[in-house]
Amino acid sequence: MVMLYLIFYDITDDNLRNRVAEFLKKKGLDRIQYSVFMGDLNSSRLKDVEAGLKMIGNRKKLQEDERFFILIVPITENQFRERIVIGYSGSEREEKSNVVW
């Protein structure tokens, strides 16, 4: 069964954060904000993404003031369609950042 997932992250280390973003892009997920990705995943792909993110996080021992926090949330297509969007991002900014919304 394929399900839509939102993946949020709060990572203080720039290199680690970039690795997570590149990993999620390679897994075919769409960036909808700088620290938020979205995509359809079946259970096998979800386990693969989860394992990859854990491996990325385990590569570095975090200092006390650093954060590596990732939240993976399943949502239905209907729930996503009922989203509330406040504000806007100009098309020029979207093109530069490859943000999909």
PDB file of N, CA and C in Angstrom:
ATOM      1  N   MET A   1       0.841  -1.190   0.000  1.00  0.00           N
ATOM      2  CA  MET A   1       0.000   0.000   0.000  1.00  0.00           C
ATOM      3  C   MET A   1       0.884   1.250   0.000  1.00  0.00           C
ATOM      4  N   VAL A   2       0.591   2.142  -0.914  1.00  0.00           N
ATOM      5  CA  VAL A   2       1.344   3.390  -1.012  1.00  0.00           C
ATOM      6  C   VAL A   2       0.625   4.459  -0.204  1.00  0.00           C
ATOM      7  N   MET A   3       1.414   5.250   0.517  1.00  0.00           N
ATOM      8  CA  MET A   3       0.843   6.309   1.362  1.00  0.00           C
ATOM      9  C   MET A   3       1.674   7.571   1.186  1.00  0.00           C
ATOM     10  N   LEU A   4       1.020   8.699   1.311  1.00  0.00           N
ATOM     11  CA  LEU A   4       1.707   9.980   1.233  1.00  0.00           C
ATOM     12  C   LEU A   4       2.348  10.285   2.595  1.00  0.00           C
ATOM     13  N   TYR A   5       3.602  10.712   2.563  1.00  0.00           N
ATOM     14  CA  TYR A   5       4.317  11.038   3.803  1.00  0.00           C
ATOM     15  C   TYR A   5       4.895  12.437   3.726  1.00  0.00           C
ATOM     16  N   LEU A   6       4.827  13.123   4.847  1.00  0.00           N
ATOM     17  CA  LEU A   6       5.542  14.386   5.018  1.00  0.00           C
ATOM     18  C   LEU A   6       6.720  14.103   5.926  1.00  0.00           C
ATOM     19  N   ILE A   7       7.879  14.612   5.552  1.00  0.00           N
ATOM     20  CA  ILE A   7       9.082  14.416   6.361  1.00  0.00           C
ATOM     21  C   ILE A   7       9.632  15.786   6.722  1.00  0.00           C
ATOM     22  N   PHE A   8       9.656  16.073   8.012  1.00  0.00           N
ATOM     23  CA  PHE A   8      10.140  17.349   8.542  1.00  0.00           C
ATOM     24  C   PHE A   8      11.471  17.096   9.239  1.00  0.00           C
ATOM     25  N   TYR A   9      12.372  18.050   9.172  1.00  0.00           N
ATOM     26  CA  TYR A   9      13.589  17.878   9.954  1.00  0.00           C
ATOM     27  C   TYR A   9      14.088  19.200  10.523  1.00  0.00           C
ATOM     28  N   ASP A  10      14.745  19.058  11.651  1.00  0.00           N
ATOM     29  CA  ASP A  10      15.398  20.180  12.328  1.00  0.00           C
ATOM     30  C   ASP A  10      16.807  19.690  12.645  1.00  0.00           C
ATOM     31  N   ILE A  11      17.750  20.119  11.828  1.00  0.00           N
ATOM     32  CA  ILE A  11      19.129  19.646  11.938  1.00  0.00           C
ATOM     33  C   ILE A  11      20.041  20.862  11.959  1.00  0.00           C
ATOM     34  N   THR A  12      20.820  20.993  13.003  1.00  0.00           N
ATOM     35  CA  THR A  12      21.647  22.193  13.150  1.00  0.00           C
ATOM     36  C   THR A  12      22.920  22.150  12.316  1.00  0.00           C
ATOM     37  N   ASP A  13      23.460  20.971  12.086  1.00  0.00           N
ATOM     38  CA  ASP A  13      24.712  20.843  11.333  1.00  0.00           C
ATOM     39  C   ASP A  13      24.420  20.988   9.837  1.00  0.00           C
ATOM     40  N   ASP A  14      25.038  21.980   9.186  1.00  0.00           N
ATOM     41  CA  ASP A  14      24.773  22.248   7.765  1.00  0.00           C
ATOM     42  C   ASP A  14      25.069  21.054   6.872  1.00  0.00           C
ATOM     43  N   ASN A  15      26.205  20.402   7.078  1.00  0.00           N
ATOM     44  CA  ASN A  15      26.573  19.253   6.235  1.00  0.00           C
ATOM     45  C   ASN A  15      25.590  18.094   6.412  1.00  0.00           C
ATOM     46  N   LEU A  16      25.237  17.845   7.641  1.00  0.00           N
ATOM     47  CA  LEU A  16      24.276  16.779   7.925  1.00  0.00           C
ATOM     48  C   LEU A  16      22.910  17.095   7.309  1.00  0.00           C
ATOM     49  N   ARG A  17      22.488  18.338   7.453  1.00  0.00           N
ATOM     50  CA  ARG A  17      21.202  18.779   6.898  1.00  0.00           C
ATOM     51  C   ARG A  17      21.210  18.643   5.380  1.00  0.00           C
ATOM     52  N   ASN A  18      22.294  19.047   4.739  1.00  0.00           N
ATOM     53  CA  ASN A  18      22.393  18.924   3.283  1.00  0.00           C
ATOM     54  C   ASN A  18      22.389  17.459   2.852  1.00  0.00           C
ATOM     55  N   ARG A  19      23.049  16.599   3.631  1.00  0.00           N
ATOM     56  CA  ARG A  19      23.047  15.164   3.299  1.00  0.00           C
ATOM     57  C   ARG A  19      21.628  14.593   3.363  1.00  0.00           C
ATOM     58  N   VAL A  20      20.891  15.016   4.383  1.00  0.00           N
ATOM     59  CA  VAL A  20      19.503  14.544   4.508  1.00  0.00           C
ATOM     60  C   VAL A  20      18.674  15.025   3.318  1.00  0.00           C
ATOM     61  N   ALA A  21      18.804  16.294   2.950  1.00  0.00           N
ATOM     62  CA  ALA A  21      18.041  16.835   1.814  1.00  0.00           C
ATOM     63  C   ALA A  21      18.402  16.104   0.519  1.00  0.00           C
ATOM     64  N   GLU A  22      19.676  15.889   0.272  1.00  0.00           N
ATOM     65  CA  GLU A  22      20.096  15.183  -0.950  1.00  0.00           C
ATOM     66  C   GLU A  22      19.602  13.733  -0.945  1.00  0.00           C
ATOM     67  N   PHE A  23      19.652  13.108   0.211  1.00  0.00           N
ATOM     68  CA  PHE A  23      19.167  11.727   0.325  1.00  0.00           C
ATOM     69  C   PHE A  23      17.682  11.658  -0.019  1.00  0.00           C
ATOM     70  N   LEU A  24      16.892  12.578   0.550  1.00  0.00           N
ATOM     71  CA  LEU A  24      15.451  12.561   0.298  1.00  0.00           C
ATOM     72  C   LEU A  24      15.138  12.855  -1.171  1.00  0.00           C
ATOM     73  N   LYS A  25      15.898  13.757  -1.783  1.00  0.00           N
ATOM     74  CA  LYS A  25      15.717  14.029  -3.218  1.00  0.00           C
ATOM     75  C   LYS A  25      16.018  12.772  -4.032  1.00  0.00           C
ATOM     76  N   LYS A  26      17.113  12.088  -3.695  1.00  0.00           N
ATOM     77  CA  LYS A  26      17.483  10.867  -4.427  1.00  0.00           C
ATOM     78  C   LYS A  26      16.438   9.765  -4.266  1.00  0.00           C
ATOM     79  N   LYS A  27      15.733   9.795  -3.168  1.00  0.00           N
ATOM     80  CA  LYS A  27      14.684   8.800  -2.942  1.00  0.00           C
ATOM     81  C   LYS A  27      13.375   9.184  -3.635  1.00  0.00           C
ATOM     82  N   GLY A  28      13.396  10.311  -4.360  1.00  0.00           N
ATOM     83  CA  GLY A  28      12.236  10.698  -5.152  1.00  0.00           C
ATOM     84  C   GLY A  28      11.208  11.535  -4.436  1.00  0.00           C
ATOM     85  N   LEU A  29      11.558  12.041  -3.259  1.00  0.00           N
ATOM     86  CA  LEU A  29      10.617  12.879  -2.525  1.00  0.00           C
ATOM     87  C   LEU A  29      10.726  14.322  -3.019  1.00  0.00           C
ATOM     88  N   ASP A  30       9.625  15.051  -2.938  1.00  0.00           N
ATOM     89  CA  ASP A  30       9.578  16.446  -3.382  1.00  0.00           C
ATOM     90  C   ASP A  30       9.760  17.389  -2.210  1.00  0.00           C
ATOM     91  N   ARG A  31      10.578  18.404  -2.418  1.00  0.00           N
ATOM     92  CA  ARG A  31      10.785  19.406  -1.372  1.00  0.00           C
ATOM     93  C   ARG A  31       9.626  20.396  -1.443  1.00  0.00           C
ATOM     94  N   ILE A  32       8.924  20.585  -0.316  1.00  0.00           N
ATOM     95  CA  ILE A  32       7.830  21.547  -0.298  1.00  0.00           C
ATOM     96  C   ILE A  32       8.163  22.777   0.542  1.00  0.00           C
ATOM     97  N   GLN A  33       9.130  22.665   1.408  1.00  0.00           N
ATOM     98  CA  GLN A  33       9.717  23.801   2.102  1.00  0.00           C
ATOM     99  C   GLN A  33      11.173  23.424   2.343  1.00  0.00           C
ATOM    100  N   TYR A  34      11.958  24.351   2.865  1.00  0.00           N
ATOM    101  CA  TYR A  34      13.378  24.060   3.005  1.00  0.00           C
ATOM    102  C   TYR A  34      13.667  22.824   3.845  1.00  0.00           C
ATOM    103  N   SER A  35      12.890  22.598   4.876  1.00  0.00           N
ATOM    104  CA  SER A  35      13.133  21.437   5.739  1.00  0.00           C
ATOM    105  C   SER A  35      11.959  20.482   5.756  1.00  0.00           C
ATOM    106  N   VAL A  36      11.204  20.477   4.664  1.00  0.00           N
ATOM    107  CA  VAL A  36      10.038  19.591   4.579  1.00  0.00           C
ATOM    108  C   VAL A  36       9.990  18.952   3.192  1.00  0.00           C
ATOM    109  N   PHE A  37       9.888  17.635   3.191  1.00  0.00           N
ATOM    110  CA  PHE A  37       9.740  16.881   1.946  1.00  0.00           C
ATOM    111  C   PHE A  37       8.440  16.101   1.992  1.00  0.00           C
ATOM    112  N   MET A  38       7.974  15.715   0.802  1.00  0.00           N
ATOM    113  CA  MET A  38       6.729  14.983   0.697  1.00  0.00           C
ATOM    114  C   MET A  38       6.855  13.961  -0.430  1.00  0.00           C
ATOM    115  N   GLY A  39       6.199  12.831  -0.262  1.00  0.00           N
ATOM    116  CA  GLY A  39       6.193  11.862  -1.345  1.00  0.00           C
ATOM    117  C   GLY A  39       5.428  10.616  -0.991  1.00  0.00           C
ATOM    118  N   ASP A  40       5.094   9.873  -2.030  1.00  0.00           N
ATOM    119  CA  ASP A  40       4.417   8.594  -1.862  1.00  0.00           C
ATOM    120  C   ASP A  40       5.451   7.511  -1.595  1.00  0.00           C
ATOM    121  N   LEU A  41       5.200   6.725  -0.575  1.00  0.00           N
ATOM    122  CA  LEU A  41       6.107   5.629  -0.223  1.00  0.00           C
ATOM    123  C   LEU A  41       5.292   4.380   0.092  1.00  0.00           C
ATOM    124  N   ASN A  42       5.737   3.249  -0.425  1.00  0.00           N
ATOM    125  CA  ASN A  42       5.156   1.988   0.044  1.00  0.00           C
ATOM    126  C   ASN A  42       5.956   1.557   1.275  1.00  0.00           C
ATOM    127  N   SER A  43       5.562   0.472   1.886  1.00  0.00           N
ATOM    128  CA  SER A  43       6.212   0.080   3.151  1.00  0.00           C
ATOM    129  C   SER A  43       7.700  -0.222   2.951  1.00  0.00           C
ATOM    130  N   SER A  44       8.057  -0.796   1.806  1.00  0.00           N
ATOM    131  CA  SER A  44       9.463  -1.100   1.543  1.00  0.00           C
ATOM    132  C   SER A  44      10.289   0.184   1.398  1.00  0.00           C
ATOM    133  N   ARG A  45       9.773   1.133   0.619  1.00  0.00           N
ATOM    134  CA  ARG A  45      10.488   2.399   0.427  1.00  0.00           C
ATOM    135  C   ARG A  45      10.536   3.198   1.730  1.00  0.00           C
ATOM    136  N   LEU A  46       9.484   3.127   2.526  1.00  0.00           N
ATOM    137  CA  LEU A  46       9.479   3.820   3.822  1.00  0.00           C
ATOM    138  C   LEU A  46      10.590   3.273   4.712  1.00  0.00           C
ATOM    139  N   LYS A  47      10.722   1.946   4.765  1.00  0.00           N
ATOM    140  CA  LYS A  47      11.784   1.341   5.584  1.00  0.00           C
ATOM    141  C   LYS A  47      13.156   1.750   5.062  1.00  0.00           C
ATOM    142  N   ASP A  48      13.292   1.818   3.755  1.00  0.00           N
ATOM    143  CA  ASP A  48      14.556   2.228   3.140  1.00  0.00           C
ATOM    144  C   ASP A  48      14.891   3.672   3.517  1.00  0.00           C
ATOM    145  N   VAL A  49      13.908   4.560   3.418  1.00  0.00           N
ATOM    146  CA  VAL A  49      14.129   5.970   3.783  1.00  0.00           C
ATOM    147  C   VAL A  49      14.468   6.091   5.264  1.00  0.00           C
ATOM    148  N   GLU A  50      13.717   5.394   6.087  1.00  0.00           N
ATOM    149  CA  GLU A  50      13.953   5.437   7.539  1.00  0.00           C
ATOM    150  C   GLU A  50      15.366   4.940   7.868  1.00  0.00           C
ATOM    151  N   ALA A  51      15.757   3.830   7.271  1.00  0.00           N
ATOM    152  CA  ALA A  51      17.090   3.269   7.542  1.00  0.00           C
ATOM    153  C   ALA A  51      18.183   4.229   7.059  1.00  0.00           C
ATOM    154  N   GLY A  52      17.989   4.819   5.884  1.00  0.00           N
ATOM    155  CA  GLY A  52      18.981   5.754   5.357  1.00  0.00           C
ATOM    156  C   GLY A  52      19.134   6.982   6.235  1.00  0.00           C
ATOM    157  N   LEU A  53      18.023   7.511   6.715  1.00  0.00           N
ATOM    158  CA  LEU A  53      18.084   8.692   7.586  1.00  0.00           C
ATOM    159  C   LEU A  53      18.763   8.363   8.918  1.00  0.00           C
ATOM    160  N   LYS A  54      18.462   7.185   9.449  1.00  0.00           N
ATOM    161  CA  LYS A  54      19.122   6.773  10.699  1.00  0.00           C
ATOM    162  C   LYS A  54      20.627   6.632  10.486  1.00  0.00           C
ATOM    163  N   MET A  55      21.001   6.067   9.344  1.00  0.00           N
ATOM    164  CA  MET A  55      22.428   5.882   9.049  1.00  0.00           C
ATOM    165  C   MET A  55      23.123   7.237   8.927  1.00  0.00           C
ATOM    166  N   ILE A  56      22.486   8.193   8.271  1.00  0.00           N
ATOM    167  CA  ILE A  56      23.068   9.535   8.148  1.00  0.00           C
ATOM    168  C   ILE A  56      23.248  10.149   9.540  1.00  0.00           C
ATOM    169  N   GLY A  57      22.224  10.022  10.376  1.00  0.00           N
ATOM    170  CA  GLY A  57      22.288  10.596  11.718  1.00  0.00           C
ATOM    171  C   GLY A  57      23.313   9.937  12.609  1.00  0.00           C
ATOM    172  N   ASN A  58      23.532   8.637  12.393  1.00  0.00           N
ATOM    173  CA  ASN A  58      24.482   7.900  13.239  1.00  0.00           C
ATOM    174  C   ASN A  58      25.928   8.140  12.856  1.00  0.00           C
ATOM    175  N   ARG A  59      26.162   8.763  11.702  1.00  0.00           N
ATOM    176  CA  ARG A  59      27.539   8.978  11.258  1.00  0.00           C
ATOM    177  C   ARG A  59      28.272  10.034  12.085  1.00  0.00           C
ATOM    178  N   LYS A  60      27.522  10.875  12.750  1.00  0.00           N
ATOM    179  CA  LYS A  60      28.165  11.951  13.500  1.00  0.00           C
ATOM    180  C   LYS A  60      27.668  11.954  14.940  1.00  0.00           C
ATOM    181  N   LYS A  61      28.601  12.074  15.850  1.00  0.00           N
ATOM    182  CA  LYS A  61      28.223  12.218  17.255  1.00  0.00           C
ATOM    183  C   LYS A  61      27.893  13.693  17.490  1.00  0.00           C
ATOM    184  N   LEU A  62      26.669  13.935  17.906  1.00  0.00           N
ATOM    185  CA  LEU A  62      26.220  15.316  18.084  1.00  0.00           C
ATOM    186  C   LEU A  62      26.752  15.913  19.386  1.00  0.00           C
ATOM    187  N   GLN A  63      27.058  17.177  19.316  1.00  0.00           N
ATOM    188  CA  GLN A  63      27.430  17.917  20.522  1.00  0.00           C
ATOM    189  C   GLN A  63      26.157  18.226  21.296  1.00  0.00           C
ATOM    190  N   GLU A  64      26.296  18.634  22.515  1.00  0.00           N
ATOM    191  CA  GLU A  64      25.147  18.881  23.376  1.00  0.00           C
ATOM    192  C   GLU A  64      24.180  19.922  22.802  1.00  0.00           C
ATOM    193  N   ASP A  65      24.705  20.929  22.103  1.00  0.00           N
ATOM    194  CA  ASP A  65      23.848  22.005  21.586  1.00  0.00           C
ATOM    195  C   ASP A  65      23.363  21.755  20.148  1.00  0.00           C
ATOM    196  N   GLU A  66      23.661  20.591  19.582  1.00  0.00           N
ATOM    197  CA  GLU A  66      23.240  20.285  18.217  1.00  0.00           C
ATOM    198  C   GLU A  66      21.942  19.469  18.215  1.00  0.00           C
ATOM    199  N   ARG A  67      21.219  19.585  17.104  1.00  0.00           N
ATOM    200  CA  ARG A  67      19.970  18.836  16.967  1.00  0.00           C
ATOM    201  C   ARG A  67      20.001  18.018  15.672  1.00  0.00           C
ATOM    202  N   PHE A  68      19.487  16.828  15.755  1.00  0.00           N
ATOM    203  CA  PHE A  68      19.221  15.986  14.586  1.00  0.00           C
ATOM    204  C   PHE A  68      17.868  15.359  14.870  1.00  0.00           C
ATOM    205  N   PHE A  69      16.818  15.995  14.361  1.00  0.00           N
ATOM    206  CA  PHE A  69      15.455  15.574  14.655  1.00  0.00           C
ATOM    207  C   PHE A  69      14.693  15.468  13.346  1.00  0.00           C
ATOM    208  N   ILE A  70      14.137  14.297  13.082  1.00  0.00           N
ATOM    209  CA  ILE A  70      13.375  14.061  11.849  1.00  0.00           C
ATOM    210  C   ILE A  70      12.029  13.466  12.234  1.00  0.00           C
ATOM    211  N   LEU A  71      10.986  14.002  11.627  1.00  0.00           N
ATOM    212  CA  LEU A  71       9.628  13.531  11.880  1.00  0.00           C
ATOM    213  C   LEU A  71       9.037  13.063  10.550  1.00  0.00           C
ATOM    214  N   ILE A  72       8.577  11.820  10.508  1.00  0.00           N
ATOM    215  CA  ILE A  72       7.948  11.252   9.310  1.00  0.00           C
ATOM    216  C   ILE A  72       6.476  11.039   9.631  1.00  0.00           C
ATOM    217  N   VAL A  73       5.604  11.737   8.894  1.00  0.00           N
ATOM    218  CA  VAL A  73       4.176  11.724   9.200  1.00  0.00           C
ATOM    219  C   VAL A  73       3.383  11.195   8.005  1.00  0.00           C
ATOM    220  N   PRO A  74       2.633  10.103   8.172  1.00  0.00           N
ATOM    221  CA  PRO A  74       1.768   9.643   7.090  1.00  0.00           C
ATOM    222  C   PRO A  74       0.504  10.493   7.028  1.00  0.00           C
ATOM    223  N   ILE A  75       0.097  10.830   5.815  1.00  0.00           N
ATOM    224  CA  ILE A  75      -1.167  11.567   5.647  1.00  0.00           C
ATOM    225  C   ILE A  75      -1.899  11.008   4.435  1.00  0.00           C
ATOM    226  N   THR A  76      -3.190  11.175   4.437  1.00  0.00           N
ATOM    227  CA  THR A  76      -3.973  10.740   3.279  1.00  0.00           C
ATOM    228  C   THR A  76      -3.995  11.868   2.248  1.00  0.00           C
ATOM    229  N   GLU A  77      -4.282  11.500   1.007  1.00  0.00           N
ATOM    230  CA  GLU A  77      -4.381  12.516  -0.051  1.00  0.00           C
ATOM    231  C   GLU A  77      -5.468  13.523   0.301  1.00  0.00           C
ATOM    232  N   ASN A  78      -6.581  13.039   0.875  1.00  0.00           N
ATOM    233  CA  ASN A  78      -7.667  13.955   1.244  1.00  0.00           C
ATOM    234  C   ASN A  78      -7.223  14.943   2.319  1.00  0.00           C
ATOM    235  N   GLN A  79      -6.473  14.467   3.301  1.00  0.00           N
ATOM    236  CA  GLN A  79      -5.977  15.383   4.337  1.00  0.00           C
ATOM    237  C   GLN A  79      -5.067  16.432   3.719  1.00  0.00           C
ATOM    238  N   PHE A  80      -4.236  16.020   2.759  1.00  0.00           N
ATOM    239  CA  PHE A  80      -3.331  16.974   2.129  1.00  0.00           C
ATOM    240  C   PHE A  80      -4.101  18.005   1.317  1.00  0.00           C
ATOM    241  N   ARG A  81      -5.149  17.558   0.621  1.00  0.00           N
ATOM    242  CA  ARG A  81      -5.955  18.496  -0.167  1.00  0.00           C
ATOM    243  C   ARG A  81      -6.642  19.535   0.723  1.00  0.00           C
ATOM    244  N   GLU A  82      -6.903  19.189   1.971  1.00  0.00           N
ATOM    245  CA  GLU A  82      -7.561  20.108   2.902  1.00  0.00           C
ATOM    246  C   GLU A  82      -6.572  21.001   3.644  1.00  0.00           C
ATOM    247  N   ARG A  83      -5.317  20.996   3.213  1.00  0.00           N
ATOM    248  CA  ARG A  83      -4.298  21.806   3.875  1.00  0.00           C
ATOM    249  C   ARG A  83      -4.661  23.293   3.793  1.00  0.00           C
ATOM    250  N   ILE A  84      -4.186  24.022   4.719  1.00  0.00           N
ATOM    251  CA  ILE A  84      -4.371  25.473   4.752  1.00  0.00           C
ATOM    252  C   ILE A  84      -3.018  26.106   4.495  1.00  0.00           C
ATOM    253  N   VAL A  85      -2.951  26.944   3.490  1.00  0.00           N
ATOM    254  CA  VAL A  85      -1.698  27.616   3.145  1.00  0.00           C
ATOM    255  C   VAL A  85      -1.834  29.084   3.507  1.00  0.00           C
ATOM    256  N   ILE A  86      -0.913  29.575   4.277  1.00  0.00           N
ATOM    257  CA  ILE A  86      -0.904  30.979   4.681  1.00  0.00           C
ATOM    258  C   ILE A  86       0.347  31.610   4.103  1.00  0.00           C
ATOM    259  N   GLY A  87       0.182  32.708   3.382  1.00  0.00           N
ATOM    260  CA  GLY A  87       1.320  33.362   2.751  1.00  0.00           C
ATOM    261  C   GLY A  87       1.550  32.781   1.375  1.00  0.00           C
ATOM    262  N   TYR A  88       2.620  33.118   0.792  1.00  0.00           N
ATOM    263  CA  TYR A  88       2.951  32.637  -0.537  1.00  0.00           C
ATOM    264  C   TYR A  88       4.451  32.652  -0.705  1.00  0.00           C
ATOM    265  N   SER A  89       4.888  31.936  -1.700  1.00  0.00           N
ATOM    266  CA  SER A  89       6.281  32.033  -2.097  1.00  0.00           C
ATOM    267  C   SER A  89       6.263  32.350  -3.584  1.00  0.00           C
ATOM    268  N   GLY A  90       7.000  33.349  -3.976  1.00  0.00           N
ATOM    269  CA  GLY A  90       7.010  33.774  -5.364  1.00  0.00           C
ATOM    270  C   GLY A  90       7.548  32.687  -6.268  1.00  0.00           C
ATOM    271  N   SER A  91       7.079  32.652  -7.504  1.00  0.00           N
ATOM    272  CA  SER A  91       7.516  31.611  -8.431  1.00  0.00           C
ATOM    273  C   SER A  91       9.016  31.685  -8.673  1.00  0.00           C
ATOM    274  N   GLU A  92       9.580  32.878  -8.622  1.00  0.00           N
ATOM    275  CA  GLU A  92      11.026  33.010  -8.818  1.00  0.00           C
ATOM    276  C   GLU A  92      11.783  32.278  -7.716  1.00  0.00           C
ATOM    277  N   ARG A  93      11.328  32.437  -6.477  1.00  0.00           N
ATOM    278  CA  ARG A  93      11.980  31.742  -5.364  1.00  0.00           C
ATOM    279  C   ARG A  93      11.805  30.246  -5.504  1.00  0.00           C
ATOM    280  N   GLU A  94      10.635  29.788  -5.928  1.00  0.00           N
ATOM    281  CA  GLU A  94      10.400  28.361  -6.067  1.00  0.00           C
ATOM    282  C   GLU A  94      11.334  27.758  -7.101  1.00  0.00           C
ATOM    283  N   GLU A  95      11.551  28.484  -8.198  1.00  0.00           N
ATOM    284  CA  GLU A  95      12.428  27.962  -9.237  1.00  0.00           C
ATOM    285  C   GLU A  95      13.854  27.815  -8.721  1.00  0.00           C
ATOM    286  N   LYS A  96      14.300  28.789  -7.934  1.00  0.00           N
ATOM    287  CA  LYS A  96      15.671  28.738  -7.425  1.00  0.00           C
ATOM    288  C   LYS A  96      15.875  27.605  -6.438  1.00  0.00           C
ATOM    289  N   SER A  97      14.874  27.349  -5.628  1.00  0.00           N
ATOM    290  CA  SER A  97      15.055  26.371  -4.561  1.00  0.00           C
ATOM    291  C   SER A  97      14.487  24.994  -4.903  1.00  0.00           C
ATOM    292  N   ASN A  98      13.818  24.869  -6.043  1.00  0.00           N
ATOM    293  CA  ASN A  98      13.165  23.613  -6.428  1.00  0.00           C
ATOM    294  C   ASN A  98      12.122  23.183  -5.413  1.00  0.00           C
ATOM    295  N   VAL A  99      11.470  24.155  -4.803  1.00  0.00           N
ATOM    296  CA  VAL A  99      10.429  23.853  -3.835  1.00  0.00           C
ATOM    297  C   VAL A  99       9.124  23.601  -4.581  1.00  0.00           C
ATOM    298  N   VAL A 100       8.450  22.522  -4.259  1.00  0.00           N
ATOM    299  CA  VAL A 100       7.183  22.167  -4.888  1.00  0.00           C
ATOM    300  C   VAL A 100       6.076  22.403  -3.884  1.00  0.00           C
ATOM    301  N   TRP A 101       5.029  23.040  -4.297  1.00  0.00           N
ATOM    302  CA  TRP A 101       3.888  23.196  -3.405  1.00  0.00           C
ATOM    303  C   TRP A 101       2.613  23.089  -4.149  1.00  0.00           C
TER     304      TRP A 101
END
